PDB file of N, CA and C in Angstrom:
ATOM      1  N   MET A   1      74.993 115.839 142.211  1.00  0.00           N
ATOM      2  CA  MET A   1      74.873 117.086 141.472  1.00  0.00           C
ATOM      3  C   MET A   1      75.872 117.151 140.327  1.00  0.00           C
ATOM      4  N   GLU A   2      77.094 116.699 140.598  1.00  0.00           N
ATOM      5  CA  GLU A   2      78.120 116.732 139.555  1.00  0.00           C
ATOM      6  C   GLU A   2      77.763 115.794 138.405  1.00  0.00           C
ATOM      7  N   ASN A   3      77.166 114.651 138.726  1.00  0.00           N
ATOM      8  CA  ASN A   3      76.762 113.704 137.686  1.00  0.00           C
ATOM      9  C   ASN A   3      75.680 114.311 136.787  1.00  0.00           C
ATOM     10  N   GLU A   4      74.763 115.080 137.389  1.00  0.00           N
ATOM     11  CA  GLU A   4      73.726 115.744 136.601  1.00  0.00           C
ATOM     12  C   GLU A   4      74.335 116.801 135.685  1.00  0.00           C
ATOM     13  N   ASN A   5      75.306 117.547 136.200  1.00  0.00           N
ATOM     14  CA  ASN A   5      75.997 118.536 135.374  1.00  0.00           C
ATOM     15  C   ASN A   5      76.738 117.867 134.228  1.00  0.00           C
ATOM     16  N   HIS A   6      77.374 116.742 134.530  1.00  0.00           N
ATOM     17  CA  HIS A   6      78.106 115.996 133.507  1.00  0.00           C
ATOM     18  C   HIS A   6      77.155 115.543 132.395  1.00  0.00           C
ATOM     19  N   LYS A   7      76.004 115.008 132.770  1.00  0.00           N
ATOM     20  CA  LYS A   7      75.029 114.547 131.778  1.00  0.00           C
ATOM     21  C   LYS A   7      74.472 115.712 130.964  1.00  0.00           C
ATOM     22  N   ALA A   8      74.184 116.825 131.624  1.00  0.00           N
ATOM     23  CA  ALA A   8      73.655 117.990 130.916  1.00  0.00           C
ATOM     24  C   ALA A   8      74.693 118.552 129.950  1.00  0.00           C
ATOM     25  N   TYR A   9      75.944 118.566 130.383  1.00  0.00           N
ATOM     26  CA  TYR A   9      77.032 119.047 129.528  1.00  0.00           C
ATOM     27  C   TYR A   9      77.132 118.215 128.259  1.00  0.00           C
ATOM     28  N   TRP A  10      77.156 116.896 128.406  1.00  0.00           N
ATOM     29  CA  TRP A  10      77.302 116.027 127.239  1.00  0.00           C
ATOM     30  C   TRP A  10      76.049 116.007 126.374  1.00  0.00           C
ATOM     31  N   LYS A  11      74.893 116.153 126.996  1.00  0.00           N
ATOM     32  CA  LYS A  11      73.662 116.220 126.204  1.00  0.00           C
ATOM     33  C   LYS A  11      73.682 117.462 125.315  1.00  0.00           C
ATOM     34  N   THR A  12      74.105 118.590 125.878  1.00  0.00           N
ATOM     35  CA  THR A  12      74.197 119.821 125.094  1.00  0.00           C
ATOM     36  C   THR A  12      75.265 119.699 124.016  1.00  0.00           C
ATOM     37  N   ASN A  13      76.392 119.096 124.360  1.00  0.00           N
ATOM     38  CA  ASN A  13      77.476 118.894 123.394  1.00  0.00           C
ATOM     39  C   ASN A  13      76.994 118.048 122.215  1.00  0.00           C
ATOM     40  N   LEU A  14      76.301 116.963 122.496  1.00  0.00           N
ATOM     41  CA  LEU A  14      75.791 116.102 121.428  1.00  0.00           C
ATOM     42  C   LEU A  14      74.731 116.814 120.584  1.00  0.00           C
ATOM     43  N   LYS A  15      73.945 117.676 121.225  1.00  0.00           N
ATOM     44  CA  LYS A  15      72.956 118.466 120.486  1.00  0.00           C
ATOM     45  C   LYS A  15      73.665 119.403 119.502  1.00  0.00           C
ATOM     46  N   TYR A  16      74.712 120.083 119.976  1.00  0.00           N
ATOM     47  CA  TYR A  16      75.492 120.960 119.093  1.00  0.00           C
ATOM     48  C   TYR A  16      76.079 120.171 117.922  1.00  0.00           C
ATOM     49  N   LEU A  17      76.655 119.011 118.228  1.00  0.00           N
ATOM     50  CA  LEU A  17      77.253 118.189 117.169  1.00  0.00           C
ATOM     51  C   LEU A  17      76.214 117.760 116.138  1.00  0.00           C
ATOM     52  N   ALA A  18      75.059 117.331 116.611  1.00  0.00           N
ATOM     53  CA  ALA A  18      74.008 116.879 115.693  1.00  0.00           C
ATOM     54  C   ALA A  18      73.550 118.017 114.782  1.00  0.00           C
ATOM     55  N   ILE A  19      73.366 119.206 115.337  1.00  0.00           N
ATOM     56  CA  ILE A  19      72.924 120.347 114.543  1.00  0.00           C
ATOM     57  C   ILE A  19      73.981 120.740 113.520  1.00  0.00           C
ATOM     58  N   LEU A  20      75.232 120.866 113.963  1.00  0.00           N
ATOM     59  CA  LEU A  20      76.299 121.305 113.061  1.00  0.00           C
ATOM     60  C   LEU A  20      76.584 120.274 111.970  1.00  0.00           C
ATOM     61  N   LEU A  21      76.571 118.999 112.319  1.00  0.00           N
ATOM     62  CA  LEU A  21      76.797 117.971 111.306  1.00  0.00           C
ATOM     63  C   LEU A  21      75.623 117.873 110.334  1.00  0.00           C
ATOM     64  N   SER A  22      74.423 118.160 110.815  1.00  0.00           N
ATOM     65  CA  SER A  22      73.263 118.185 109.915  1.00  0.00           C
ATOM     66  C   SER A  22      73.389 119.321 108.907  1.00  0.00           C
ATOM     67  N   ILE A  23      73.844 120.478 109.382  1.00  0.00           N
ATOM     68  CA  ILE A  23      74.059 121.605 108.470  1.00  0.00           C
ATOM     69  C   ILE A  23      75.092 121.232 107.419  1.00  0.00           C
ATOM     70  N   TRP A  24      76.190 120.625 107.860  1.00  0.00           N
ATOM     71  CA  TRP A  24      77.237 120.247 106.919  1.00  0.00           C
ATOM     72  C   TRP A  24      76.733 119.206 105.922  1.00  0.00           C
ATOM     73  N   PHE A  25      75.929 118.239 106.381  1.00  0.00           N
ATOM     74  CA  PHE A  25      75.370 117.228 105.500  1.00  0.00           C
ATOM     75  C   PHE A  25      74.461 117.862 104.453  1.00  0.00           C
ATOM     76  N   ILE A  26      73.619 118.784 104.892  1.00  0.00           N
ATOM     77  CA  ILE A  26      72.712 119.456 103.952  1.00  0.00           C
ATOM     78  C   ILE A  26      73.495 120.222 102.894  1.00  0.00           C
ATOM     79  N   VAL A  27      74.539 120.928 103.334  1.00  0.00           N
ATOM     80  CA  VAL A  27      75.328 121.720 102.391  1.00  0.00           C
ATOM     81  C   VAL A  27      76.125 120.820 101.454  1.00  0.00           C
ATOM     82  N   SER A  28      76.816 119.820 102.009  1.00  0.00           N
ATOM     83  CA  SER A  28      77.688 119.002 101.161  1.00  0.00           C
ATOM     84  C   SER A  28      76.905 118.013 100.298  1.00  0.00           C
ATOM     85  N   PHE A  29      75.979 117.280 100.881  1.00  0.00           N
ATOM     86  CA  PHE A  29      75.241 116.275 100.120  1.00  0.00           C
ATOM     87  C   PHE A  29      74.039 116.886  99.410  1.00  0.00           C
ATOM     88  N   GLY A  30      73.285 117.696 100.148  1.00  0.00           N
ATOM     89  CA  GLY A  30      72.077 118.283  99.563  1.00  0.00           C
ATOM     90  C   GLY A  30      72.382 119.258  98.446  1.00  0.00           C
ATOM     91  N   PHE A  31      73.211 120.268  98.745  1.00  0.00           N
ATOM     92  CA  PHE A  31      73.520 121.288  97.740  1.00  0.00           C
ATOM     93  C   PHE A  31      74.517 120.789  96.705  1.00  0.00           C
ATOM     94  N   GLY A  32      75.470 119.976  97.129  1.00  0.00           N
ATOM     95  CA  GLY A  32      76.528 119.533  96.219  1.00  0.00           C
ATOM     96  C   GLY A  32      76.159 118.368  95.333  1.00  0.00           C
ATOM     97  N   ILE A  33      75.147 117.581  95.722  1.00  0.00           N
ATOM     98  CA  ILE A  33      74.794 116.389  94.938  1.00  0.00           C
ATOM     99  C   ILE A  33      73.317 116.403  94.529  1.00  0.00           C
ATOM    100  N   LEU A  34      72.432 116.512  95.500  1.00  0.00           N
ATOM    101  CA  LEU A  34      71.005 116.388  95.195  1.00  0.00           C
ATOM    102  C   LEU A  34      70.436 117.595  94.446  1.00  0.00           C
ATOM    103  N   LEU A  35      70.811 118.786  94.841  1.00  0.00           N
ATOM    104  CA  LEU A  35      70.243 119.996  94.247  1.00  0.00           C
ATOM    105  C   LEU A  35      71.175 120.666  93.255  1.00  0.00           C
ATOM    106  N   VAL A  36      72.185 119.937  92.801  1.00  0.00           N
ATOM    107  CA  VAL A  36      73.198 120.540  91.934  1.00  0.00           C
ATOM    108  C   VAL A  36      72.598 121.076  90.636  1.00  0.00           C
ATOM    109  N   ASP A  37      71.665 120.375  90.037  1.00  0.00           N
ATOM    110  CA  ASP A  37      71.081 120.828  88.770  1.00  0.00           C
ATOM    111  C   ASP A  37      70.293 122.124  88.945  1.00  0.00           C
ATOM    112  N   GLU A  38      69.526 122.223  90.021  1.00  0.00           N
ATOM    113  CA  GLU A  38      68.763 123.440  90.268  1.00  0.00           C
ATOM    114  C   GLU A  38      69.689 124.613  90.583  1.00  0.00           C
ATOM    115  N   LEU A  39      70.748 124.352  91.363  1.00  0.00           N
ATOM    116  CA  LEU A  39      71.672 125.418  91.747  1.00  0.00           C
ATOM    117  C   LEU A  39      72.572 125.856  90.599  1.00  0.00           C
ATOM    118  N   ASN A  40      72.749 124.999  89.605  1.00  0.00           N
ATOM    119  CA  ASN A  40      73.603 125.359  88.472  1.00  0.00           C
ATOM    120  C   ASN A  40      73.005 126.465  87.608  1.00  0.00           C
ATOM    121  N   HIS A  41      71.730 126.784  87.806  1.00  0.00           N
ATOM    122  CA  HIS A  41      71.118 127.895  87.075  1.00  0.00           C
ATOM    123  C   HIS A  41      71.574 129.241  87.637  1.00  0.00           C
ATOM    124  N   ILE A  42      72.177 129.230  88.819  1.00  0.00           N
ATOM    125  CA  ILE A  42      72.670 130.449  89.467  1.00  0.00           C
ATOM    126  C   ILE A  42      74.193 130.462  89.331  1.00  0.00           C
ATOM    127  N   ARG A  43      74.734 131.603  88.994  1.00  0.00           N
ATOM    128  CA  ARG A  43      76.195 131.726  88.860  1.00  0.00           C
ATOM    129  C   ARG A  43      76.757 132.553  90.006  1.00  0.00           C
ATOM    130  N   MET A  44      77.948 132.138  90.462  1.00  0.00           N
ATOM    131  CA  MET A  44      78.638 132.836  91.544  1.00  0.00           C
ATOM    132  C   MET A  44      80.101 132.960  91.157  1.00  0.00           C
ATOM    133  N   GLY A  45      80.562 134.161  90.937  1.00  0.00           N
ATOM    134  CA  GLY A  45      81.953 134.364  90.548  1.00  0.00           C
ATOM    135  C   GLY A  45      82.283 133.709  89.212  1.00  0.00           C
ATOM    136  N   GLY A  46      81.309 133.604  88.329  1.00  0.00           N
ATOM    137  CA  GLY A  46      81.525 132.993  87.032  1.00  0.00           C
ATOM    138  C   GLY A  46      81.327 131.494  87.009  1.00  0.00           C
ATOM    139  N   PHE A  47      81.127 130.879  88.179  1.00  0.00           N
ATOM    140  CA  PHE A  47      80.942 129.432  88.252  1.00  0.00           C
ATOM    141  C   PHE A  47      79.500 129.109  88.586  1.00  0.00           C
ATOM    142  N   LYS A  48      79.036 127.964  88.158  1.00  0.00           N
ATOM    143  CA  LYS A  48      77.707 127.506  88.510  1.00  0.00           C
ATOM    144  C   LYS A  48      77.682 127.217  90.014  1.00  0.00           C
ATOM    145  N   LEU A  49      76.615 127.631  90.686  1.00  0.00           N
ATOM    146  CA  LEU A  49      76.538 127.518  92.139  1.00  0.00           C
ATOM    147  C   LEU A  49      76.567 126.064  92.604  1.00  0.00           C
ATOM    148  N   GLY A  50      75.930 125.165  91.892  1.00  0.00           N
ATOM    149  CA  GLY A  50      75.971 123.744  92.255  1.00  0.00           C
ATOM    150  C   GLY A  50      77.377 123.197  92.193  1.00  0.00           C
ATOM    151  N   PHE A  51      78.099 123.552  91.141  1.00  0.00           N
ATOM    152  CA  PHE A  51      79.501 123.141  91.012  1.00  0.00           C
ATOM    153  C   PHE A  51      80.327 123.723  92.149  1.00  0.00           C
ATOM    154  N   TRP A  52      80.088 124.999  92.484  1.00  0.00           N
ATOM    155  CA  TRP A  52      80.840 125.649  93.543  1.00  0.00           C
ATOM    156  C   TRP A  52      80.632 124.958  94.888  1.00  0.00           C
ATOM    157  N   PHE A  53      79.365 124.620  95.209  1.00  0.00           N
ATOM    158  CA  PHE A  53      79.095 123.926  96.472  1.00  0.00           C
ATOM    159  C   PHE A  53      79.771 122.563  96.496  1.00  0.00           C
ATOM    160  N   ALA A  54      79.736 121.853  95.390  1.00  0.00           N
ATOM    161  CA  ALA A  54      80.340 120.521  95.343  1.00  0.00           C
ATOM    162  C   ALA A  54      81.853 120.587  95.496  1.00  0.00           C
ATOM    163  N   GLN A  55      82.490 121.611  94.931  1.00  0.00           N
ATOM    164  CA  GLN A  55      83.951 121.683  94.927  1.00  0.00           C
ATOM    165  C   GLN A  55      84.536 122.470  96.092  1.00  0.00           C
ATOM    166  N   GLN A  56      83.922 123.577  96.468  1.00  0.00           N
ATOM    167  CA  GLN A  56      84.524 124.436  97.480  1.00  0.00           C
ATOM    168  C   GLN A  56      83.580 124.802  98.615  1.00  0.00           C
ATOM    169  N   GLY A  57      82.332 124.999  98.305  1.00  0.00           N
ATOM    170  CA  GLY A  57      81.386 125.501  99.297  1.00  0.00           C
ATOM    171  C   GLY A  57      81.270 124.639 100.526  1.00  0.00           C
ATOM    172  N   SER A  58      81.209 123.330 100.340  1.00  0.00           N
ATOM    173  CA  SER A  58      81.067 122.450 101.498  1.00  0.00           C
ATOM    174  C   SER A  58      82.312 122.490 102.374  1.00  0.00           C
ATOM    175  N   ILE A  59      83.475 122.690 101.780  1.00  0.00           N
ATOM    176  CA  ILE A  59      84.710 122.792 102.562  1.00  0.00           C
ATOM    177  C   ILE A  59      84.700 124.082 103.372  1.00  0.00           C
ATOM    178  N   TYR A  60      84.314 125.197 102.745  1.00  0.00           N
ATOM    179  CA  TYR A  60      84.237 126.471 103.464  1.00  0.00           C
ATOM    180  C   TYR A  60      83.240 126.389 104.615  1.00  0.00           C
ATOM    181  N   VAL A  61      82.095 125.793 104.358  1.00  0.00           N
ATOM    182  CA  VAL A  61      81.077 125.661 105.402  1.00  0.00           C
ATOM    183  C   VAL A  61      81.610 124.791 106.537  1.00  0.00           C
ATOM    184  N   PHE A  62      82.329 123.731 106.220  1.00  0.00           N
ATOM    185  CA  PHE A  62      82.890 122.862 107.251  1.00  0.00           C
ATOM    186  C   PHE A  62      83.867 123.635 108.131  1.00  0.00           C
ATOM    187  N   VAL A  63      84.737 124.424 107.535  1.00  0.00           N
ATOM    188  CA  VAL A  63      85.703 125.210 108.318  1.00  0.00           C
ATOM    189  C   VAL A  63      84.973 126.232 109.196  1.00  0.00           C
ATOM    190  N   ILE A  64      83.951 126.876 108.662  1.00  0.00           N
ATOM    191  CA  ILE A  64      83.163 127.826 109.452  1.00  0.00           C
ATOM    192  C   ILE A  64      82.490 127.113 110.618  1.00  0.00           C
ATOM    193  N   LEU A  65      81.961 125.918 110.368  1.00  0.00           N
ATOM    194  CA  LEU A  65      81.297 125.158 111.426  1.00  0.00           C
ATOM    195  C   LEU A  65      82.277 124.743 112.522  1.00  0.00           C
ATOM    196  N   ILE A  66      83.529 124.512 112.173  1.00  0.00           N
ATOM    197  CA  ILE A  66      84.537 124.211 113.194  1.00  0.00           C
ATOM    198  C   ILE A  66      84.688 125.399 114.146  1.00  0.00           C
ATOM    199  N   PHE A  67      84.770 126.606 113.592  1.00  0.00           N
ATOM    200  CA  PHE A  67      84.901 127.793 114.441  1.00  0.00           C
ATOM    201  C   PHE A  67      83.632 128.046 115.254  1.00  0.00           C
ATOM    202  N   VAL A  68      82.474 127.770 114.676  1.00  0.00           N
ATOM    203  CA  VAL A  68      81.216 127.894 115.422  1.00  0.00           C
ATOM    204  C   VAL A  68      81.207 126.898 116.580  1.00  0.00           C
ATOM    205  N   TYR A  69      81.657 125.679 116.337  1.00  0.00           N
ATOM    206  CA  TYR A  69      81.705 124.659 117.387  1.00  0.00           C
ATOM    207  C   TYR A  69      82.658 125.076 118.503  1.00  0.00           C
ATOM    208  N   ILE A  70      83.802 125.626 118.145  1.00  0.00           N
ATOM    209  CA  ILE A  70      84.755 126.093 119.155  1.00  0.00           C
ATOM    210  C   ILE A  70      84.110 127.157 120.029  1.00  0.00           C
ATOM    211  N   ARG A  71      83.427 128.100 119.407  1.00  0.00           N
ATOM    212  CA  ARG A  71      82.773 129.171 120.166  1.00  0.00           C
ATOM    213  C   ARG A  71      81.680 128.612 121.077  1.00  0.00           C
ATOM    214  N   LEU A  72      80.854 127.708 120.542  1.00  0.00           N
ATOM    215  CA  LEU A  72      79.789 127.112 121.346  1.00  0.00           C
ATOM    216  C   LEU A  72      80.351 126.324 122.529  1.00  0.00           C
ATOM    217  N   MET A  73      81.426 125.593 122.291  1.00  0.00           N
ATOM    218  CA  MET A  73      82.014 124.791 123.366  1.00  0.00           C
ATOM    219  C   MET A  73      82.683 125.673 124.415  1.00  0.00           C
ATOM    220  N   ASN A  74      83.283 126.773 124.007  1.00  0.00           N
ATOM    221  CA  ASN A  74      83.856 127.697 124.990  1.00  0.00           C
ATOM    222  C   ASN A  74      82.765 128.272 125.890  1.00  0.00           C
ATOM    223  N   LYS A  75      81.623 128.613 125.297  1.00  0.00           N
ATOM    224  CA  LYS A  75      80.502 129.105 126.098  1.00  0.00           C
ATOM    225  C   LYS A  75      79.957 128.010 127.014  1.00  0.00           C
ATOM    226  N   LEU A  76      79.878 126.794 126.493  1.00  0.00           N
ATOM    227  CA  LEU A  76      79.380 125.679 127.306  1.00  0.00           C
ATOM    228  C   LEU A  76      80.343 125.370 128.449  1.00  0.00           C
ATOM    229  N   ASP A  77      81.631 125.396 128.178  1.00  0.00           N
ATOM    230  CA  ASP A  77      82.630 125.180 129.231  1.00  0.00           C
ATOM    231  C   ASP A  77      82.515 126.246 130.307  1.00  0.00           C
ATOM    232  N   ALA A  78      82.304 127.487 129.919  1.00  0.00           N
ATOM    233  CA  ALA A  78      82.162 128.569 130.894  1.00  0.00           C
ATOM    234  C   ALA A  78      80.899 128.378 131.719  1.00  0.00           C
ATOM    235  N   LYS A  79      79.843 127.906 131.077  1.00  0.00           N
ATOM    236  CA  LYS A  79      78.578 127.695 131.790  1.00  0.00           C
ATOM    237  C   LYS A  79      78.738 126.650 132.884  1.00  0.00           C
ATOM    238  N   TYR A  80      79.512 125.611 132.630  1.00  0.00           N
ATOM    239  CA  TYR A  80      79.703 124.530 133.597  1.00  0.00           C
ATOM    240  C   TYR A  80      81.041 124.635 134.336  1.00  0.00           C
ATOM    241  N   ASN A  81      81.679 125.804 134.289  1.00  0.00           N
ATOM    242  CA  ASN A  81      82.952 126.059 134.975  1.00  0.00           C
ATOM    243  C   ASN A  81      84.021 125.032 134.635  1.00  0.00           C
ATOM    244  N   LEU A  82      84.182 124.753 133.357  1.00  0.00           N
ATOM    245  CA  LEU A  82      85.195 123.803 132.919  1.00  0.00           C
ATOM    246  C   LEU A  82      86.325 124.502 132.171  1.00  0.00           C
ATOM    247  N   ASN A  83      86.472 125.810 132.389  1.00  0.00           N
ATOM    248  CA  ASN A  83      87.532 126.562 131.730  1.00  0.00           C
ATOM    249  C   ASN A  83      88.890 126.143 132.277  1.00  0.00           C
ATOM    250  N   ASP A  84      89.873 126.119 131.395  1.00  0.00           N
ATOM    251  CA  ASP A  84      91.235 125.768 131.833  1.00  0.00           C
ATOM    252  C   ASP A  84      91.983 126.987 132.276  1.00  0.00           C
TER     253      ASP A  84
END
C-alpha cells in the first residue's frame, strides 16, 4: 500500500512539474521570442508587451509559478500525510 502511495505521490508531483514548466516555457519562449512581433503592437506601462515579456514578464511568471508549486506540494503532502 505504501509503495502505491509513493508512486501516486510522485506521479502527481511530475504532473504538476510538467504543467508548470510548460506554462513557463510558453510565456518565456512563446511570448518572449516567437510572438514578440505580434505582442509589440500592445503597450503595457509605456513598453511594448513583447519586449516586456522577454525582459521581465517571464521572470515574474517564474516566481509566481514557484509559489504555485509550493502551494500545490503542500496540499499534496497533506493528502498523503507527509507533513513535517
